[in-house]
C-alpha atoms as a PDB file:
ATOM      1  CA  MET A   1     -67.481 122.576  73.296  1.00  0.00           C
ATOM      2  CA  MET A   2     -65.881 125.763  74.505  1.00  0.00           C
ATOM      3  CA  GLY A   3     -62.076 125.835  74.448  1.00  0.00           C
ATOM      4  CA  LEU A   4     -59.785 126.857  77.289  1.00  0.00           C
ATOM      5  CA  THR A   5     -58.932 130.239  75.814  1.00  0.00           C
ATOM      6  CA  ALA A   6     -62.605 131.010  75.225  1.00  0.00           C
ATOM      7  CA  ARG A   7     -63.355 130.393  78.936  1.00  0.00           C
ATOM      8  CA  LEU A   8     -60.402 132.405  80.244  1.00  0.00           C
ATOM      9  CA  SER A   9     -60.064 136.125  80.006  1.00  0.00           C
ATOM     10  CA  GLY A  10     -58.070 139.064  81.283  1.00  0.00           C
ATOM     11  CA  PRO A  11     -55.339 138.446  83.846  1.00  0.00           C
ATOM     12  CA  LEU A  12     -56.101 134.723  84.126  1.00  0.00           C
ATOM     13  CA  LEU A  13     -55.646 134.179  80.385  1.00  0.00           C
ATOM     14  CA  GLY A  14     -52.419 136.189  80.508  1.00  0.00           C
ATOM     15  CA  ALA A  15     -51.100 134.067  83.371  1.00  0.00           C
ATOM     16  CA  VAL A  16     -51.906 130.818  81.552  1.00  0.00           C
ATOM     17  CA  LEU A  17     -50.218 132.013  78.344  1.00  0.00           C
ATOM     18  CA  LEU A  18     -47.169 133.287  80.234  1.00  0.00           C
ATOM     19  CA  LEU A  19     -46.831 129.966  82.055  1.00  0.00           C
ATOM     20  CA  ALA A  20     -47.112 128.071  78.773  1.00  0.00           C
ATOM     21  CA  ALA A  21     -44.560 130.353  77.110  1.00  0.00           C
ATOM     22  CA  CYS A  22     -42.148 129.627  79.947  1.00  0.00           C
ATOM     23  CA  THR A  23     -42.201 125.923  79.092  1.00  0.00           C
ATOM     24  CA  HIS A  24     -38.848 125.934  77.364  1.00  0.00           C
ATOM     25  CA  GLY A  25     -37.330 123.561  74.934  1.00  0.00           C
ATOM     26  CA  PRO A  26     -38.033 121.387  71.982  1.00  0.00           C
ATOM     27  CA  GLN A  27     -40.303 118.437  72.442  1.00  0.00           C
ATOM     28  CA  PRO A  28     -39.914 115.541  70.010  1.00  0.00           C
ATOM     29  CA  VAL A  29     -43.330 114.372  68.901  1.00  0.00           C
ATOM     30  CA  PRO A  30     -43.763 110.674  69.690  1.00  0.00           C
ATOM     31  CA  GLY A  31     -44.564 108.623  66.614  1.00  0.00           C
ATOM     32  CA  LEU A  32     -44.198 111.625  64.304  1.00  0.00           C
ATOM     33  CA  SER A  33     -47.833 112.700  64.097  1.00  0.00           C
ATOM     34  CA  PRO A  34     -49.112 113.572  60.620  1.00  0.00           C
ATOM     35  CA  LEU A  35     -49.483 117.211  59.654  1.00  0.00           C
ATOM     36  CA  PRO A  36     -53.194 118.039  59.901  1.00  0.00           C
ATOM     37  CA  ALA A  37     -54.932 118.906  56.639  1.00  0.00           C
ATOM     38  CA  PHE A  38     -56.085 122.512  56.621  1.00  0.00           C
ATOM     39  CA  GLU A  39     -57.074 125.415  54.422  1.00  0.00           C
ATOM     40  CA  LEU A  40     -56.849 128.859  56.013  1.00  0.00           C
ATOM     41  CA  GLU A  41     -57.205 132.467  54.869  1.00  0.00           C
ATOM     42  CA  SER A  42     -53.933 134.229  54.032  1.00  0.00           C
ATOM     43  CA  LEU A  43     -53.403 137.867  54.886  1.00  0.00           C
ATOM     44  CA  ASP A  44     -53.706 138.682  51.184  1.00  0.00           C
ATOM     45  CA  GLY A  45     -57.216 137.174  51.105  1.00  0.00           C
ATOM     46  CA  THR A  46     -56.311 133.965  49.276  1.00  0.00           C
ATOM     47  CA  ARG A  47     -56.650 130.485  50.735  1.00  0.00           C
ATOM     48  CA  PHE A  48     -53.547 128.588  51.894  1.00  0.00           C
ATOM     49  CA  SER A  49     -53.687 124.804  51.955  1.00  0.00           C
ATOM     50  CA  SER A  50     -51.476 122.446  53.925  1.00  0.00           C
ATOM     51  CA  LYS A  51     -50.933 120.722  50.562  1.00  0.00           C
ATOM     52  CA  ALA A  52     -48.540 123.597  49.721  1.00  0.00           C
ATOM     53  CA  LEU A  53     -46.143 122.166  52.327  1.00  0.00           C
ATOM     54  CA  ALA A  54     -45.964 118.734  50.672  1.00  0.00           C
ATOM     55  CA  GLY A  55     -42.434 117.601  49.870  1.00  0.00           C
ATOM     56  CA  LYS A  56     -40.838 120.423  51.861  1.00  0.00           C
ATOM     57  CA  VAL A  57     -39.292 120.742  55.280  1.00  0.00           C
ATOM     58  CA  ALA A  58     -41.577 123.301  56.910  1.00  0.00           C
ATOM     59  CA  LEU A  59     -41.561 125.367  60.058  1.00  0.00           C
ATOM     60  CA  VAL A  60     -45.069 126.295  61.202  1.00  0.00           C
ATOM     61  CA  ASP A  61     -45.120 129.054  63.799  1.00  0.00           C
ATOM     62  CA  PHE A  62     -48.210 129.754  65.913  1.00  0.00           C
ATOM     63  CA  TRP A  63     -48.082 133.351  67.097  1.00  0.00           C
ATOM     64  CA  ALA A  64     -50.178 136.356  68.033  1.00  0.00           C
ATOM     65  CA  THR A  65     -49.728 140.002  67.135  1.00  0.00           C
ATOM     66  CA  TRP A  66     -49.840 140.990  70.818  1.00  0.00           C
ATOM     67  CA  CYS A  67     -47.102 138.498  71.809  1.00  0.00           C
ATOM     68  CA  GLN A  68     -43.773 140.343  72.078  1.00  0.00           C
ATOM     69  CA  PRO A  69     -41.597 137.168  72.017  1.00  0.00           C
ATOM     70  CA  CYS A  70     -43.456 136.118  68.856  1.00  0.00           C
ATOM     71  CA  LEU A  71     -42.692 139.411  67.154  1.00  0.00           C
ATOM     72  CA  GLU A  72     -39.028 139.199  68.200  1.00  0.00           C
ATOM     73  CA  GLU A  73     -38.705 135.848  66.382  1.00  0.00           C
ATOM     74  CA  ILE A  74     -39.972 137.091  63.010  1.00  0.00           C
ATOM     75  CA  PRO A  75     -36.580 138.406  61.763  1.00  0.00           C
ATOM     76  CA  PHE A  76     -35.078 134.960  62.419  1.00  0.00           C
ATOM     77  CA  TRP A  77     -37.937 133.251  60.550  1.00  0.00           C
ATOM     78  CA  ASN A  78     -37.256 135.632  57.644  1.00  0.00           C
ATOM     79  CA  GLN A  79     -33.578 134.574  57.685  1.00  0.00           C
ATOM     80  CA  LEU A  80     -34.514 130.898  57.616  1.00  0.00           C
ATOM     81  CA  GLN A  81     -36.939 131.423  54.729  1.00  0.00           C
ATOM     82  CA  LYS A  82     -34.326 133.333  52.746  1.00  0.00           C
ATOM     83  CA  GLY A  83     -31.443 131.017  53.587  1.00  0.00           C
ATOM     84  CA  TYR A  84     -33.078 127.638  53.017  1.00  0.00           C
ATOM     85  CA  ALA A  85     -35.951 128.156  50.539  1.00  0.00           C
ATOM     86  CA  ASP A  86     -33.836 127.006  47.598  1.00  0.00           C
ATOM     87  CA  ARG A  87     -33.084 123.733  49.441  1.00  0.00           C
ATOM     88  CA  GLY A  88     -36.721 122.716  49.948  1.00  0.00           C
ATOM     89  CA  PHE A  89     -37.595 124.615  53.119  1.00  0.00           C
ATOM     90  CA  THR A  90     -40.597 126.825  53.746  1.00  0.00           C
ATOM     91  CA  MET A  91     -41.912 128.863  56.637  1.00  0.00           C
ATOM     92  CA  LEU A  92     -45.559 129.423  57.567  1.00  0.00           C
ATOM     93  CA  GLY A  93     -46.946 131.728  60.240  1.00  0.00           C
ATOM     94  CA  ILE A  94     -50.349 130.990  61.752  1.00  0.00           C
ATOM     95  CA  THR A  95     -51.758 133.870  63.781  1.00  0.00           C
ATOM     96  CA  VAL A  96     -54.306 133.114  66.460  1.00  0.00           C
ATOM     97  CA  GLN A  97     -56.204 135.343  68.854  1.00  0.00           C
ATOM     98  CA  SER A  98     -55.224 138.354  66.748  1.00  0.00           C
ATOM     99  CA  GLY A  99     -58.452 139.293  64.950  1.00  0.00           C
ATOM    100  CA  TRP A 100     -59.315 139.185  61.271  1.00  0.00           C
ATOM    101  CA  ALA A 101     -56.795 139.322  58.426  1.00  0.00           C
ATOM    102  CA  SER A 102     -57.292 143.094  58.073  1.00  0.00           C
ATOM    103  CA  ASP A 103     -56.560 143.568  61.808  1.00  0.00           C
ATOM    104  CA  ILE A 104     -53.426 141.467  61.592  1.00  0.00           C
ATOM    105  CA  LYS A 105     -52.175 143.297  58.488  1.00  0.00           C
ATOM    106  CA  SER A 106     -52.721 146.608  60.263  1.00  0.00           C
ATOM    107  CA  ASP A 107     -50.858 145.422  63.380  1.00  0.00           C
ATOM    108  CA  ILE A 108     -47.934 144.198  61.266  1.00  0.00           C
ATOM    109  CA  GLU A 109     -47.774 147.525  59.419  1.00  0.00           C
ATOM    110  CA  LYS A 110     -47.866 149.486  62.688  1.00  0.00           C
ATOM    111  CA  SER A 111     -45.030 147.402  64.131  1.00  0.00           C
ATOM    112  CA  LYS A 112     -43.011 148.000  60.930  1.00  0.00           C
ATOM    113  CA  LEU A 113     -42.275 144.270  60.702  1.00  0.00           C
ATOM    114  CA  GLU A 114     -41.384 142.757  57.387  1.00  0.00           C
ATOM    115  CA  ILE A 115     -42.505 139.171  56.900  1.00  0.00           C
ATOM    116  CA  ASN A 116     -41.222 137.296  53.830  1.00  0.00           C
ATOM    117  CA  TYR A 117     -43.234 134.095  54.250  1.00  0.00           C
ATOM    118  CA  PRO A 118     -46.946 133.245  54.149  1.00  0.00           C
ATOM    119  CA  VAL A 119     -49.064 134.174  57.160  1.00  0.00           C
ATOM    120  CA  VAL A 120     -52.541 132.745  57.648  1.00  0.00           C
ATOM    121  CA  VAL A 121     -55.301 133.317  60.166  1.00  0.00           C
ATOM    122  CA  GLY A 122     -55.811 130.365  62.477  1.00  0.00           C
ATOM    123  CA  ASP A 123     -58.091 129.515  65.346  1.00  0.00           C
ATOM    124  CA  GLU A 124     -58.371 127.164  68.292  1.00  0.00           C
ATOM    125  CA  LYS A 125     -59.434 124.293  66.013  1.00  0.00           C
ATOM    126  CA  ILE A 126     -56.209 124.299  63.977  1.00  0.00           C
ATOM    127  CA  ALA A 127     -54.151 124.724  67.161  1.00  0.00           C
ATOM    128  CA  GLN A 128     -55.798 121.604  68.598  1.00  0.00           C
ATOM    129  CA  GLU A 129     -55.293 119.672  65.351  1.00  0.00           C
ATOM    130  CA  PHE A 130     -51.557 120.303  65.679  1.00  0.00           C
ATOM    131  CA  GLY A 131     -51.650 118.637  69.087  1.00  0.00           C
ATOM    132  CA  GLY A 132     -52.343 121.676  71.192  1.00  0.00           C
ATOM    133  CA  VAL A 133     -50.920 125.148  71.491  1.00  0.00           C
ATOM    134  CA  LEU A 134     -51.040 126.355  75.071  1.00  0.00           C
ATOM    135  CA  GLY A 135     -48.951 129.499  74.685  1.00  0.00           C
ATOM    136  CA  PHE A 136     -47.074 131.605  72.215  1.00  0.00           C
ATOM    137  CA  PRO A 137     -44.826 131.229  70.459  1.00  0.00           C
ATOM    138  CA  THR A 138     -45.258 127.553  69.618  1.00  0.00           C
ATOM    139  CA  THR A 139     -43.471 126.276  66.531  1.00  0.00           C
ATOM    140  CA  PHE A 140     -43.661 122.909  64.750  1.00  0.00           C
ATOM    141  CA  LEU A 141     -41.022 121.440  62.441  1.00  0.00           C
ATOM    142  CA  ILE A 142     -42.531 119.322  59.662  1.00  0.00           C
ATOM    143  CA  THR A 143     -40.722 116.635  57.642  1.00  0.00           C
ATOM    144  CA  ARG A 144     -40.823 116.389  53.854  1.00  0.00           C
ATOM    145  CA  ASP A 145     -43.295 113.529  54.125  1.00  0.00           C
ATOM    146  CA  GLY A 146     -45.738 115.619  56.168  1.00  0.00           C
ATOM    147  CA  ARG A 147     -45.065 114.548  59.740  1.00  0.00           C
ATOM    148  CA  ILE A 148     -44.610 116.708  62.811  1.00  0.00           C
ATOM    149  CA  PHE A 149     -40.984 116.153  63.787  1.00  0.00           C
ATOM    150  CA  LYS A 150     -40.634 118.492  66.745  1.00  0.00           C
ATOM    151  CA  LYS A 151     -42.526 121.101  68.753  1.00  0.00           C
ATOM    152  CA  TYR A 152     -40.719 124.126  70.214  1.00  0.00           C
ATOM    153  CA  THR A 153     -42.583 126.008  72.940  1.00  0.00           C
ATOM    154  CA  GLY A 154     -41.720 129.436  74.258  1.00  0.00           C
ATOM    155  CA  GLN A 155     -38.685 131.590  73.702  1.00  0.00           C
ATOM    156  CA  TYR A 156     -35.318 130.518  75.123  1.00  0.00           C
ATOM    157  CA  PRO A 157     -31.646 131.222  74.381  1.00  0.00           C
ATOM    158  CA  ALA A 158     -30.726 128.130  72.353  1.00  0.00           C
ATOM    159  CA  LYS A 159     -33.984 127.919  70.375  1.00  0.00           C
ATOM    160  CA  GLU A 160     -32.696 129.441  67.132  1.00  0.00           C
ATOM    161  CA  THR A 161     -29.606 127.220  67.063  1.00  0.00           C
ATOM    162  CA  LEU A 162     -31.634 124.079  67.801  1.00  0.00           C
ATOM    163  CA  ILE A 163     -34.220 124.846  65.141  1.00  0.00           C
ATOM    164  CA  GLU A 164     -31.623 125.620  62.485  1.00  0.00           C
ATOM    165  CA  THR A 165     -29.693 122.428  63.304  1.00  0.00           C
ATOM    166  CA  ASP A 166     -32.922 120.391  63.083  1.00  0.00           C
ATOM    167  CA  ILE A 167     -33.819 122.019  59.743  1.00  0.00           C
ATOM    168  CA  GLN A 168     -30.365 121.222  58.335  1.00  0.00           C
ATOM    169  CA  THR A 169     -30.719 117.615  59.492  1.00  0.00           C
ATOM    170  CA  LEU A 170     -34.119 117.211  57.816  1.00  0.00           C
ATOM    171  CA  LEU A 171     -32.944 118.909  54.616  1.00  0.00           C
ATOM    172  CA  ARG A 172     -30.125 116.367  54.304  1.00  0.00           C
ATOM    173  CA  HIS A 173     -32.703 113.555  54.202  1.00  0.00           C
ATOM    174  CA  LYS A 174     -34.478 113.629  50.845  1.00  0.00           C
ATOM    175  CA  ARG A 175     -37.357 111.424  52.084  1.00  0.00           C
END
């Protein structure tokens, strides 16, 4: 079955992604859906498994190298990784619609971005397994016991504060 993004192209795809990115705000996930099991290629060529997130509060960010709001968020994700890693937090970037790992690495180098957390190459399948990613950026907060706690779609003024508050709340709960 062909996915939505595979059927759309050019200006129409851009309009759909822009509309999705304009859907602001966090969306609590009813029933706390389980984190999908996955194994994806990292930019360094190794495999990254969702098992690496077990027991940690995790922020999983779906982004694309061509998405300017996505790139603007990376310094904040770096701050979160640095500031909370020793408390049981981890960050994971999943790039989609950005080419192969070598393409993504090249784009990151050209943009002079520094990323201090794992980045893996995703696809429409993993986006659907997370409950759907209609635009970028889309970020999921995962509990220590492997459940999707909240989904944040788009870029909006209070996003960073909300995410950090939610991370602090989850870190206070050991399980």
